[in-house]
N, C-alpha and C. Protein backbone atom coordinates (compact mmCIF):
# COMPACT_ATOMS: atom_id res chain seq x y z
N MET A 1 -8.68 -27.32 25.73
CA MET A 1 -9.89 -26.78 26.36
C MET A 1 -11.06 -27.75 26.20
N GLU A 2 -11.12 -28.38 25.04
CA GLU A 2 -12.21 -29.34 24.78
C GLU A 2 -12.21 -30.46 25.83
N GLN A 3 -11.01 -30.90 26.21
CA GLN A 3 -10.89 -31.96 27.23
C GLN A 3 -11.44 -31.48 28.57
N LEU A 4 -11.21 -30.23 28.90
CA LEU A 4 -11.75 -29.67 30.14
C LEU A 4 -13.28 -29.66 30.10
N TYR A 5 -13.83 -29.28 28.96
CA TYR A 5 -15.29 -29.25 28.82
C TYR A 5 -15.89 -30.65 28.88
N LYS A 6 -15.15 -31.61 28.37
CA LYS A 6 -15.62 -33.00 28.40
C LYS A 6 -15.82 -33.46 29.85
N GLN A 7 -14.98 -32.96 30.75
CA GLN A 7 -15.12 -33.29 32.17
C GLN A 7 -16.45 -32.80 32.74
N LEU A 8 -17.04 -31.82 32.12
CA LEU A 8 -18.29 -31.25 32.60
C LEU A 8 -19.53 -31.95 32.05
N GLN A 9 -19.34 -32.97 31.23
CA GLN A 9 -20.49 -33.71 30.73
C GLN A 9 -21.10 -34.53 31.88
N LEU A 10 -22.41 -34.57 31.90
CA LEU A 10 -23.13 -35.26 32.97
C LEU A 10 -22.65 -36.70 33.15
N GLU A 11 -22.46 -37.39 32.04
CA GLU A 11 -22.06 -38.80 32.11
C GLU A 11 -20.68 -39.00 32.73
N ASN A 12 -19.89 -37.95 32.84
CA ASN A 12 -18.55 -38.04 33.42
C ASN A 12 -18.50 -37.62 34.89
N GLN A 13 -19.66 -37.34 35.46
CA GLN A 13 -19.72 -36.87 36.85
C GLN A 13 -19.94 -38.04 37.82
N LEU A 14 -18.98 -38.27 38.67
CA LEU A 14 -19.12 -39.29 39.71
C LEU A 14 -20.33 -38.97 40.61
N CYS A 15 -20.47 -37.70 40.95
CA CYS A 15 -21.57 -37.30 41.83
C CYS A 15 -22.92 -37.67 41.24
N PHE A 16 -23.07 -37.49 39.92
CA PHE A 16 -24.35 -37.82 39.30
C PHE A 16 -24.60 -39.33 39.30
N SER A 17 -23.58 -40.11 39.02
CA SER A 17 -23.74 -41.57 39.04
C SER A 17 -24.17 -42.05 40.42
N ILE A 18 -23.56 -41.50 41.45
CA ILE A 18 -23.92 -41.89 42.81
C ILE A 18 -25.33 -41.41 43.16
N TYR A 19 -25.64 -40.17 42.80
CA TYR A 19 -26.96 -39.60 43.06
C TYR A 19 -28.06 -40.41 42.37
N ALA A 20 -27.89 -40.67 41.08
CA ALA A 20 -28.90 -41.39 40.31
C ALA A 20 -29.04 -42.83 40.81
N THR A 21 -27.92 -43.46 41.15
CA THR A 21 -27.96 -44.82 41.69
C THR A 21 -28.70 -44.84 43.02
N SER A 22 -28.43 -43.87 43.85
CA SER A 22 -29.12 -43.78 45.14
C SER A 22 -30.63 -43.66 44.95
N ARG A 23 -31.04 -42.84 44.01
CA ARG A 23 -32.48 -42.68 43.73
C ARG A 23 -33.09 -43.99 43.24
N GLU A 24 -32.38 -44.70 42.37
CA GLU A 24 -32.89 -45.97 41.85
C GLU A 24 -32.95 -47.03 42.95
N ILE A 25 -31.97 -47.04 43.83
CA ILE A 25 -31.98 -47.98 44.95
C ILE A 25 -33.19 -47.70 45.85
N THR A 26 -33.42 -46.42 46.12
CA THR A 26 -34.57 -46.06 46.95
C THR A 26 -35.88 -46.52 46.31
N LYS A 27 -35.99 -46.41 44.98
CA LYS A 27 -37.20 -46.88 44.28
C LYS A 27 -37.36 -48.39 44.42
N VAL A 28 -36.25 -49.12 44.40
CA VAL A 28 -36.30 -50.58 44.55
C VAL A 28 -36.79 -50.95 45.96
N TYR A 29 -36.33 -50.21 46.95
CA TYR A 29 -36.71 -50.48 48.33
C TYR A 29 -38.16 -50.10 48.63
N LYS A 30 -38.69 -49.09 47.96
CA LYS A 30 -40.01 -48.55 48.32
C LYS A 30 -41.11 -49.59 48.45
N PRO A 31 -41.36 -50.44 47.44
CA PRO A 31 -42.46 -51.40 47.62
C PRO A 31 -42.19 -52.41 48.74
N LEU A 32 -40.94 -52.73 48.98
CA LEU A 32 -40.61 -53.65 50.06
C LEU A 32 -40.86 -53.01 51.42
N LEU A 33 -40.52 -51.73 51.52
CA LEU A 33 -40.70 -51.01 52.78
C LEU A 33 -42.15 -50.59 53.01
N ASP A 34 -42.88 -50.39 51.91
CA ASP A 34 -44.32 -50.09 52.05
C ASP A 34 -45.03 -51.21 52.80
N LYS A 35 -44.60 -52.45 52.57
CA LYS A 35 -45.20 -53.59 53.27
C LYS A 35 -44.95 -53.52 54.77
N LEU A 36 -43.85 -52.85 55.16
CA LEU A 36 -43.53 -52.68 56.58
C LEU A 36 -44.14 -51.40 57.15
N GLY A 37 -44.59 -50.52 56.26
CA GLY A 37 -45.16 -49.25 56.70
C GLY A 37 -44.12 -48.21 57.09
N VAL A 38 -42.90 -48.32 56.50
CA VAL A 38 -41.85 -47.36 56.82
C VAL A 38 -41.25 -46.78 55.54
N THR A 39 -40.64 -45.63 55.69
CA THR A 39 -39.94 -44.99 54.57
C THR A 39 -38.49 -45.49 54.57
N TYR A 40 -37.77 -45.16 53.51
CA TYR A 40 -36.36 -45.57 53.43
C TYR A 40 -35.53 -44.98 54.57
N PRO A 41 -35.63 -43.68 54.88
CA PRO A 41 -34.86 -43.16 56.02
C PRO A 41 -35.25 -43.83 57.34
N GLN A 42 -36.54 -44.13 57.52
CA GLN A 42 -36.97 -44.84 58.73
C GLN A 42 -36.36 -46.24 58.78
N TYR A 43 -36.28 -46.90 57.65
CA TYR A 43 -35.66 -48.22 57.58
C TYR A 43 -34.20 -48.15 58.02
N LEU A 44 -33.49 -47.13 57.57
CA LEU A 44 -32.09 -46.96 57.98
C LEU A 44 -31.99 -46.77 59.49
N ALA A 45 -32.90 -45.98 60.05
CA ALA A 45 -32.91 -45.78 61.51
C ALA A 45 -33.19 -47.11 62.22
N LEU A 46 -34.13 -47.87 61.68
CA LEU A 46 -34.42 -49.19 62.28
C LEU A 46 -33.21 -50.11 62.20
N LEU A 47 -32.50 -50.08 61.09
CA LEU A 47 -31.31 -50.93 60.96
C LEU A 47 -30.31 -50.66 62.08
N VAL A 48 -30.04 -49.39 62.37
CA VAL A 48 -29.07 -49.11 63.43
C VAL A 48 -29.63 -49.45 64.81
N LEU A 49 -30.93 -49.30 64.99
CA LEU A 49 -31.53 -49.66 66.28
C LEU A 49 -31.58 -51.18 66.46
N TRP A 50 -31.84 -51.93 65.40
CA TRP A 50 -31.82 -53.39 65.51
C TRP A 50 -30.42 -53.86 65.89
N GLU A 51 -29.43 -53.12 65.45
CA GLU A 51 -28.04 -53.49 65.75
C GLU A 51 -27.62 -53.04 67.16
N HIS A 52 -28.06 -51.85 67.58
CA HIS A 52 -27.57 -51.26 68.83
C HIS A 52 -28.61 -51.19 69.95
N GLU A 53 -29.86 -51.44 69.66
CA GLU A 53 -30.98 -51.42 70.61
C GLU A 53 -31.34 -50.03 71.12
N THR A 54 -30.39 -49.33 71.74
CA THR A 54 -30.65 -47.97 72.23
C THR A 54 -29.49 -47.09 71.82
N LEU A 55 -29.83 -45.91 71.32
CA LEU A 55 -28.81 -44.95 70.89
C LEU A 55 -29.26 -43.54 71.25
N SER A 56 -28.29 -42.67 71.48
CA SER A 56 -28.63 -41.26 71.59
C SER A 56 -28.92 -40.74 70.19
N VAL A 57 -29.68 -39.68 70.11
CA VAL A 57 -29.97 -39.07 68.81
C VAL A 57 -28.65 -38.65 68.16
N LYS A 58 -27.74 -38.13 68.97
CA LYS A 58 -26.44 -37.70 68.43
C LYS A 58 -25.69 -38.87 67.80
N LYS A 59 -25.61 -39.99 68.50
CA LYS A 59 -24.89 -41.16 67.98
C LYS A 59 -25.58 -41.70 66.73
N MET A 60 -26.91 -41.75 66.75
CA MET A 60 -27.66 -42.21 65.58
C MET A 60 -27.36 -41.30 64.39
N GLY A 61 -27.32 -40.01 64.61
CA GLY A 61 -26.99 -39.06 63.55
C GLY A 61 -25.60 -39.31 62.98
N GLU A 62 -24.65 -39.62 63.85
CA GLU A 62 -23.29 -39.93 63.38
C GLU A 62 -23.29 -41.18 62.51
N LEU A 63 -23.99 -42.21 62.95
CA LEU A 63 -24.02 -43.47 62.20
C LEU A 63 -24.72 -43.33 60.86
N LEU A 64 -25.74 -42.48 60.80
CA LEU A 64 -26.53 -42.30 59.57
C LEU A 64 -26.09 -41.08 58.75
N TYR A 65 -25.10 -40.34 59.25
CA TYR A 65 -24.63 -39.13 58.57
C TYR A 65 -25.78 -38.13 58.40
N LEU A 66 -26.58 -37.98 59.47
CA LEU A 66 -27.69 -37.04 59.46
C LEU A 66 -27.57 -36.10 60.64
N ASP A 67 -28.01 -34.85 60.47
CA ASP A 67 -28.00 -33.92 61.60
C ASP A 67 -29.31 -34.08 62.38
N SER A 68 -29.30 -33.57 63.60
CA SER A 68 -30.48 -33.75 64.46
C SER A 68 -31.71 -33.03 63.90
N GLY A 69 -31.50 -31.97 63.13
CA GLY A 69 -32.64 -31.27 62.52
C GLY A 69 -33.38 -32.13 61.50
N THR A 70 -32.68 -33.05 60.88
CA THR A 70 -33.29 -34.00 59.94
C THR A 70 -33.83 -35.21 60.69
N LEU A 71 -33.06 -35.66 61.66
CA LEU A 71 -33.38 -36.89 62.37
C LEU A 71 -34.56 -36.74 63.33
N THR A 72 -34.62 -35.64 64.07
CA THR A 72 -35.64 -35.47 65.10
C THR A 72 -37.07 -35.56 64.56
N PRO A 73 -37.43 -34.87 63.47
CA PRO A 73 -38.81 -35.00 62.96
C PRO A 73 -39.13 -36.43 62.54
N MET A 74 -38.16 -37.11 61.94
CA MET A 74 -38.39 -38.49 61.52
C MET A 74 -38.62 -39.38 62.74
N LEU A 75 -37.83 -39.18 63.79
CA LEU A 75 -37.98 -39.99 65.00
C LEU A 75 -39.30 -39.70 65.70
N LYS A 76 -39.76 -38.47 65.62
CA LYS A 76 -41.08 -38.13 66.17
C LYS A 76 -42.18 -38.89 65.43
N ARG A 77 -42.06 -38.96 64.10
CA ARG A 77 -43.04 -39.71 63.31
C ARG A 77 -42.97 -41.20 63.65
N MET A 78 -41.77 -41.70 63.84
CA MET A 78 -41.61 -43.11 64.19
C MET A 78 -42.20 -43.39 65.58
N GLN A 79 -42.11 -42.42 66.48
CA GLN A 79 -42.72 -42.58 67.80
C GLN A 79 -44.24 -42.57 67.65
N ASP A 80 -44.77 -41.70 66.79
CA ASP A 80 -46.21 -41.67 66.54
C ASP A 80 -46.70 -43.00 65.96
N GLN A 81 -45.83 -43.68 65.20
CA GLN A 81 -46.16 -44.99 64.63
C GLN A 81 -45.93 -46.13 65.64
N GLU A 82 -45.48 -45.75 66.83
CA GLU A 82 -45.20 -46.71 67.91
C GLU A 82 -44.07 -47.68 67.56
N LEU A 83 -43.07 -47.19 66.80
CA LEU A 83 -41.91 -48.00 66.45
C LEU A 83 -40.74 -47.75 67.40
N VAL A 84 -40.66 -46.53 67.93
CA VAL A 84 -39.57 -46.17 68.84
C VAL A 84 -40.10 -45.39 70.03
N ILE A 85 -39.26 -45.34 71.05
CA ILE A 85 -39.52 -44.53 72.24
C ILE A 85 -38.38 -43.52 72.34
N ARG A 86 -38.72 -42.27 72.57
CA ARG A 86 -37.71 -41.23 72.80
C ARG A 86 -37.75 -40.86 74.26
N GLN A 87 -36.58 -40.91 74.91
CA GLN A 87 -36.51 -40.58 76.33
C GLN A 87 -35.31 -39.69 76.61
N ARG A 88 -35.54 -38.66 77.39
CA ARG A 88 -34.44 -37.78 77.80
C ARG A 88 -33.59 -38.48 78.86
N SER A 89 -32.31 -38.21 78.80
CA SER A 89 -31.38 -38.75 79.79
C SER A 89 -31.68 -38.15 81.15
N HIS A 90 -31.56 -38.95 82.19
CA HIS A 90 -31.75 -38.44 83.56
C HIS A 90 -30.55 -37.60 84.00
N GLU A 91 -29.37 -37.93 83.46
CA GLU A 91 -28.16 -37.21 83.82
C GLU A 91 -28.02 -35.88 83.09
N ASP A 92 -28.47 -35.84 81.82
CA ASP A 92 -28.33 -34.65 81.00
C ASP A 92 -29.55 -34.55 80.10
N GLU A 93 -30.45 -33.65 80.42
CA GLU A 93 -31.72 -33.54 79.70
C GLU A 93 -31.57 -33.12 78.24
N ARG A 94 -30.37 -32.66 77.87
CA ARG A 94 -30.14 -32.31 76.47
C ARG A 94 -29.99 -33.56 75.60
N VAL A 95 -29.68 -34.69 76.23
CA VAL A 95 -29.45 -35.94 75.52
C VAL A 95 -30.76 -36.73 75.45
N VAL A 96 -31.11 -37.15 74.23
CA VAL A 96 -32.32 -37.95 74.03
C VAL A 96 -31.90 -39.32 73.52
N PHE A 97 -32.42 -40.36 74.17
CA PHE A 97 -32.14 -41.72 73.76
C PHE A 97 -33.32 -42.28 72.98
N ILE A 98 -32.99 -43.09 71.97
CA ILE A 98 -34.00 -43.73 71.13
C ILE A 98 -33.88 -45.23 71.33
N SER A 99 -35.00 -45.87 71.57
CA SER A 99 -35.02 -47.34 71.66
C SER A 99 -36.26 -47.86 70.95
N LEU A 100 -36.22 -49.13 70.62
CA LEU A 100 -37.32 -49.76 69.89
C LEU A 100 -38.46 -50.16 70.81
N THR A 101 -39.66 -50.06 70.31
CA THR A 101 -40.81 -50.64 70.98
C THR A 101 -40.88 -52.11 70.56
N GLU A 102 -41.81 -52.84 71.13
CA GLU A 102 -42.01 -54.23 70.69
C GLU A 102 -42.39 -54.28 69.22
N LYS A 103 -43.24 -53.35 68.81
CA LYS A 103 -43.64 -53.27 67.40
C LYS A 103 -42.42 -53.05 66.51
N GLY A 104 -41.52 -52.16 66.92
CA GLY A 104 -40.31 -51.90 66.16
C GLY A 104 -39.39 -53.12 66.12
N LYS A 105 -39.32 -53.83 67.22
CA LYS A 105 -38.49 -55.05 67.27
C LYS A 105 -39.06 -56.13 66.35
N LYS A 106 -40.37 -56.25 66.31
CA LYS A 106 -41.00 -57.29 65.49
C LYS A 106 -40.83 -57.04 64.00
N LEU A 107 -40.67 -55.79 63.60
CA LEU A 107 -40.47 -55.49 62.19
C LEU A 107 -39.18 -56.12 61.65
N ARG A 108 -38.25 -56.37 62.55
CA ARG A 108 -36.97 -56.97 62.13
C ARG A 108 -37.19 -58.30 61.41
N ASP A 109 -38.05 -59.14 61.97
CA ASP A 109 -38.33 -60.43 61.34
C ASP A 109 -38.95 -60.25 59.95
N LYS A 110 -39.80 -59.26 59.81
CA LYS A 110 -40.44 -59.01 58.52
C LYS A 110 -39.47 -58.41 57.51
N ALA A 111 -38.39 -57.80 57.98
CA ALA A 111 -37.43 -57.14 57.10
C ALA A 111 -36.28 -58.04 56.67
N CYS A 112 -36.15 -59.19 57.27
CA CYS A 112 -34.99 -60.06 57.01
C CYS A 112 -34.81 -60.41 55.53
N HIS A 113 -35.88 -60.48 54.78
CA HIS A 113 -35.80 -60.86 53.36
C HIS A 113 -35.37 -59.70 52.46
N ILE A 114 -35.43 -58.48 52.93
CA ILE A 114 -35.20 -57.31 52.07
C ILE A 114 -33.81 -57.29 51.44
N PRO A 115 -32.73 -57.47 52.19
CA PRO A 115 -31.41 -57.42 51.53
C PRO A 115 -31.27 -58.44 50.39
N GLU A 116 -31.78 -59.65 50.59
CA GLU A 116 -31.68 -60.68 49.56
C GLU A 116 -32.52 -60.31 48.33
N GLU A 117 -33.70 -59.75 48.56
CA GLU A 117 -34.55 -59.34 47.43
C GLU A 117 -33.88 -58.23 46.62
N VAL A 118 -33.31 -57.27 47.32
CA VAL A 118 -32.63 -56.17 46.62
C VAL A 118 -31.42 -56.72 45.87
N PHE A 119 -30.66 -57.59 46.50
CA PHE A 119 -29.49 -58.20 45.87
C PHE A 119 -29.89 -58.88 44.55
N SER A 120 -31.00 -59.59 44.57
CA SER A 120 -31.43 -60.32 43.37
C SER A 120 -31.82 -59.39 42.22
N MET A 121 -32.15 -58.15 42.53
CA MET A 121 -32.56 -57.19 41.50
C MET A 121 -31.37 -56.54 40.80
N THR A 122 -30.17 -56.72 41.33
CA THR A 122 -29.01 -56.00 40.79
C THR A 122 -28.33 -56.69 39.62
N ASN A 123 -28.55 -57.98 39.46
CA ASN A 123 -27.85 -58.76 38.43
C ASN A 123 -26.33 -58.69 38.60
N LYS A 124 -25.88 -58.54 39.83
CA LYS A 124 -24.46 -58.51 40.15
C LYS A 124 -24.16 -59.67 41.10
N SER A 125 -22.91 -60.11 41.09
CA SER A 125 -22.52 -61.19 42.01
C SER A 125 -22.33 -60.62 43.41
N GLN A 126 -22.38 -61.49 44.38
CA GLN A 126 -22.15 -61.09 45.77
C GLN A 126 -20.79 -60.40 45.89
N ARG A 127 -19.77 -60.95 45.26
CA ARG A 127 -18.42 -60.38 45.33
C ARG A 127 -18.37 -58.99 44.69
N GLU A 128 -19.03 -58.82 43.55
CA GLU A 128 -19.05 -57.50 42.90
C GLU A 128 -19.68 -56.45 43.81
N LEU A 129 -20.78 -56.81 44.45
CA LEU A 129 -21.46 -55.86 45.33
C LEU A 129 -20.66 -55.59 46.60
N GLU A 130 -19.99 -56.61 47.12
CA GLU A 130 -19.14 -56.40 48.30
C GLU A 130 -18.00 -55.45 47.98
N LYS A 131 -17.39 -55.62 46.82
CA LYS A 131 -16.28 -54.75 46.40
C LYS A 131 -16.79 -53.32 46.20
N LEU A 132 -17.95 -53.18 45.56
CA LEU A 132 -18.54 -51.86 45.35
C LEU A 132 -18.83 -51.18 46.69
N LYS A 133 -19.43 -51.92 47.61
CA LYS A 133 -19.74 -51.36 48.93
C LYS A 133 -18.47 -50.93 49.65
N GLU A 134 -17.44 -51.74 49.56
CA GLU A 134 -16.15 -51.41 50.19
C GLU A 134 -15.59 -50.11 49.60
N THR A 135 -15.62 -50.00 48.29
CA THR A 135 -15.12 -48.81 47.61
C THR A 135 -15.93 -47.58 48.00
N LEU A 136 -17.25 -47.71 48.04
CA LEU A 136 -18.11 -46.58 48.41
C LEU A 136 -17.89 -46.18 49.87
N GLN A 137 -17.68 -47.15 50.75
CA GLN A 137 -17.44 -46.81 52.15
C GLN A 137 -16.10 -46.08 52.32
N GLU A 138 -15.10 -46.47 51.54
CA GLU A 138 -13.82 -45.77 51.57
C GLU A 138 -14.00 -44.33 51.07
N LEU A 139 -14.77 -44.17 50.00
CA LEU A 139 -15.04 -42.84 49.47
C LEU A 139 -15.80 -42.00 50.50
N LEU A 140 -16.81 -42.58 51.11
CA LEU A 140 -17.58 -41.89 52.14
C LEU A 140 -16.68 -41.42 53.27
N GLN A 141 -15.80 -42.29 53.75
CA GLN A 141 -14.90 -41.92 54.83
C GLN A 141 -13.96 -40.79 54.42
N SER A 142 -13.43 -40.87 53.21
CA SER A 142 -12.53 -39.81 52.72
C SER A 142 -13.25 -38.47 52.66
N LEU A 143 -14.45 -38.47 52.09
CA LEU A 143 -15.20 -37.22 51.96
C LEU A 143 -15.66 -36.70 53.31
N HIS A 144 -16.05 -37.61 54.19
CA HIS A 144 -16.48 -37.19 55.54
C HIS A 144 -15.31 -36.56 56.28
N THR A 145 -14.15 -37.18 56.19
CA THR A 145 -12.95 -36.62 56.84
C THR A 145 -12.64 -35.23 56.26
N TYR A 146 -12.71 -35.11 54.96
CA TYR A 146 -12.47 -33.82 54.31
C TYR A 146 -13.47 -32.77 54.81
N ASN A 147 -14.74 -33.15 54.90
CA ASN A 147 -15.78 -32.20 55.31
C ASN A 147 -15.73 -31.84 56.79
N GLN A 148 -15.01 -32.61 57.58
CA GLN A 148 -14.89 -32.32 59.02
C GLN A 148 -13.86 -31.24 59.29
N LYS A 149 -13.05 -30.91 58.28
CA LYS A 149 -11.99 -29.90 58.46
C LYS A 149 -12.58 -28.54 58.71
């Protein structure tokens, strides 16, 4: 029984390690993103838009693992900041497309240094971080598949 209880210790919880690490990563990004005038979730949205240029809200939600109820208010704020444009599809008004403004496109140049700065704060090798990212992406896919059932 003692072994079962040991499994319930906070230090033995994978979920807590991931949660706490995520919070610490967000803290590392904050001062870097403050210089750009965006939040961490907005930065993630910009990353997918810099890669894809225009996306439907639905597709963006799939890529970011966010539902439209979370994504829509953030995209409205980003439109107010003149970073993105939201446009309804002409074929289906239920579909909203998101694209970057010139201001949003220009932020890409200012953000190029961020991954390297964050990397330097980890005290890990490039290979260690690549392996960790690969493992986490596999875990994410497994859990996402499980949750889709």
